[in-house]
Amino acid sequence: MLELQRTDFALVELTLYLDTHPTDMQAVQQFNQLAQRRRQIANEFEMRYGPLMQFGHSYSRFPWQWVETPWPWQV
């Protein structure tokens, strides 16, 4: 969870930077690498603990997992 939070923080900061520096190729590449890494981290987390997000951003195994998985702050 900590690695996921760190990656999310970096992505938010890069998003803010890229809003004012859209032609910084190195920042765009770093953003894309972090976005890919975030997807990997989130997938690993969800396989171990269950879905992170609702509204179709995460899949649920059967039976429905939302009532059984720990909250992010419980991990």
C-alpha atoms as a PDB file:
ATOM      1  CA  MET A   1       0.000   0.000   0.000  1.00  0.00           C
ATOM      2  CA  LEU A   2       2.843   2.395   0.815  1.00  0.00           C
ATOM      3  CA  GLU A   3       4.432   1.879  -2.606  1.00  0.00           C
ATOM      4  CA  LEU A   4       1.066   2.506  -4.243  1.00  0.00           C
ATOM      5  CA  GLN A   5       0.612   5.730  -2.264  1.00  0.00           C
ATOM      6  CA  ARG A   6       4.113   6.913  -3.164  1.00  0.00           C
ATOM      7  CA  THR A   7       3.502   6.210  -6.833  1.00  0.00           C
ATOM      8  CA  ASP A   8       0.137   7.995  -6.757  1.00  0.00           C
ATOM      9  CA  PHE A   9       1.772  11.025  -5.130  1.00  0.00           C
ATOM     10  CA  ALA A  10       4.460  11.159  -7.815  1.00  0.00           C
ATOM     11  CA  LEU A  11       1.813  10.854 -10.543  1.00  0.00           C
ATOM     12  CA  VAL A  12      -0.207  13.741  -9.087  1.00  0.00           C
ATOM     13  CA  GLU A  13       2.920  15.917  -8.868  1.00  0.00           C
ATOM     14  CA  LEU A  14       3.931  15.068 -12.422  1.00  0.00           C
ATOM     15  CA  THR A  15       0.406  15.833 -13.619  1.00  0.00           C
ATOM     16  CA  LEU A  16       0.586  19.288 -12.059  1.00  0.00           C
ATOM     17  CA  TYR A  17       4.022  19.866 -13.570  1.00  0.00           C
ATOM     18  CA  LEU A  18       2.921  18.677 -17.018  1.00  0.00           C
ATOM     19  CA  ASP A  19      -0.090  20.993 -16.910  1.00  0.00           C
ATOM     20  CA  THR A  20       2.377  23.883 -17.097  1.00  0.00           C
ATOM     21  CA  HIS A  21       5.193  22.138 -19.020  1.00  0.00           C
ATOM     22  CA  PRO A  22       3.395  19.953 -21.601  1.00  0.00           C
ATOM     23  CA  THR A  23       6.402  19.711 -23.925  1.00  0.00           C
ATOM     24  CA  ASP A  24       8.810  18.245 -21.351  1.00  0.00           C
ATOM     25  CA  MET A  25       9.444  14.879 -23.004  1.00  0.00           C
ATOM     26  CA  GLN A  26      11.380  13.483 -20.040  1.00  0.00           C
ATOM     27  CA  ALA A  27       8.506  14.266 -17.662  1.00  0.00           C
ATOM     28  CA  VAL A  28       5.989  12.667 -20.032  1.00  0.00           C
ATOM     29  CA  GLN A  29       8.140   9.532 -20.218  1.00  0.00           C
ATOM     30  CA  GLN A  30       8.483   9.447 -16.447  1.00  0.00           C
ATOM     31  CA  PHE A  31       4.716   9.868 -16.062  1.00  0.00           C
ATOM     32  CA  ASN A  32       4.041   6.989 -18.458  1.00  0.00           C
ATOM     33  CA  GLN A  33       6.543   4.730 -16.684  1.00  0.00           C
ATOM     34  CA  LEU A  34       5.006   5.517 -13.304  1.00  0.00           C
ATOM     35  CA  ALA A  35       1.490   4.983 -14.661  1.00  0.00           C
ATOM     36  CA  GLN A  36       2.510   1.543 -15.905  1.00  0.00           C
ATOM     37  CA  ARG A  37       4.189   0.750 -12.570  1.00  0.00           C
ATOM     38  CA  ARG A  38       1.093   1.918 -10.703  1.00  0.00           C
ATOM     39  CA  ARG A  39      -1.046  -0.483 -12.703  1.00  0.00           C
ATOM     40  CA  GLN A  40       1.304  -3.348 -11.772  1.00  0.00           C
ATOM     41  CA  ILE A  41       1.341  -2.409  -8.085  1.00  0.00           C
ATOM     42  CA  ALA A  42      -2.458  -2.050  -8.001  1.00  0.00           C
ATOM     43  CA  ASN A  43      -2.930  -5.420  -9.723  1.00  0.00           C
ATOM     44  CA  GLU A  44      -0.623  -7.115  -7.206  1.00  0.00           C
ATOM     45  CA  PHE A  45      -2.455  -5.462  -4.320  1.00  0.00           C
ATOM     46  CA  GLU A  46      -5.868  -6.466  -5.662  1.00  0.00           C
ATOM     47  CA  MET A  47      -4.800 -10.072  -6.185  1.00  0.00           C
ATOM     48  CA  ARG A  48      -3.707 -10.243  -2.567  1.00  0.00           C
ATOM     49  CA  TYR A  49      -6.304  -8.098  -0.764  1.00  0.00           C
ATOM     50  CA  GLY A  50      -9.187  -7.455  -3.156  1.00  0.00           C
ATOM     51  CA  PRO A  51     -10.419  -4.490  -5.195  1.00  0.00           C
ATOM     52  CA  LEU A  52      -9.122  -0.970  -4.571  1.00  0.00           C
ATOM     53  CA  MET A  53     -11.713   1.050  -6.463  1.00  0.00           C
ATOM     54  CA  GLN A  54     -15.381   0.719  -7.325  1.00  0.00           C
ATOM     55  CA  PHE A  55     -17.210   2.054 -10.384  1.00  0.00           C
ATOM     56  CA  GLY A  56     -15.701  -0.450 -12.805  1.00  0.00           C
ATOM     57  CA  HIS A  57     -12.048   0.386 -12.162  1.00  0.00           C
ATOM     58  CA  SER A  58     -11.422  -2.936 -10.415  1.00  0.00           C
ATOM     59  CA  TYR A  59     -12.730  -6.409 -11.016  1.00  0.00           C
ATOM     60  CA  SER A  60     -14.226  -8.588  -8.324  1.00  0.00           C
ATOM     61  CA  ARG A  61     -13.786 -12.312  -7.977  1.00  0.00           C
ATOM     62  CA  PHE A  62     -16.798 -14.402  -7.012  1.00  0.00           C
ATOM     63  CA  PRO A  63     -18.367 -14.015  -4.529  1.00  0.00           C
ATOM     64  CA  TRP A  64     -18.626 -10.213  -4.420  1.00  0.00           C
ATOM     65  CA  GLN A  65     -15.509  -9.006  -2.606  1.00  0.00           C
ATOM     66  CA  TRP A  66     -16.392  -5.518  -1.480  1.00  0.00           C
ATOM     67  CA  VAL A  67     -17.920  -6.706   1.764  1.00  0.00           C
ATOM     68  CA  GLU A  68     -15.029  -9.040   2.589  1.00  0.00           C
ATOM     69  CA  THR A  69     -11.823  -7.226   1.736  1.00  0.00           C
ATOM     70  CA  PRO A  70      -9.964  -5.014   4.202  1.00  0.00           C
ATOM     71  CA  TRP A  71     -10.153  -1.255   3.822  1.00  0.00           C
ATOM     72  CA  PRO A  72      -6.921   0.247   2.469  1.00  0.00           C
ATOM     73  CA  TRP A  73      -5.980   1.617   5.905  1.00  0.00           C
ATOM     74  CA  GLN A  74      -6.376  -1.873   7.419  1.00  0.00           C
ATOM     75  CA  VAL A  75      -3.658  -3.399   5.235  1.00  0.00           C
END
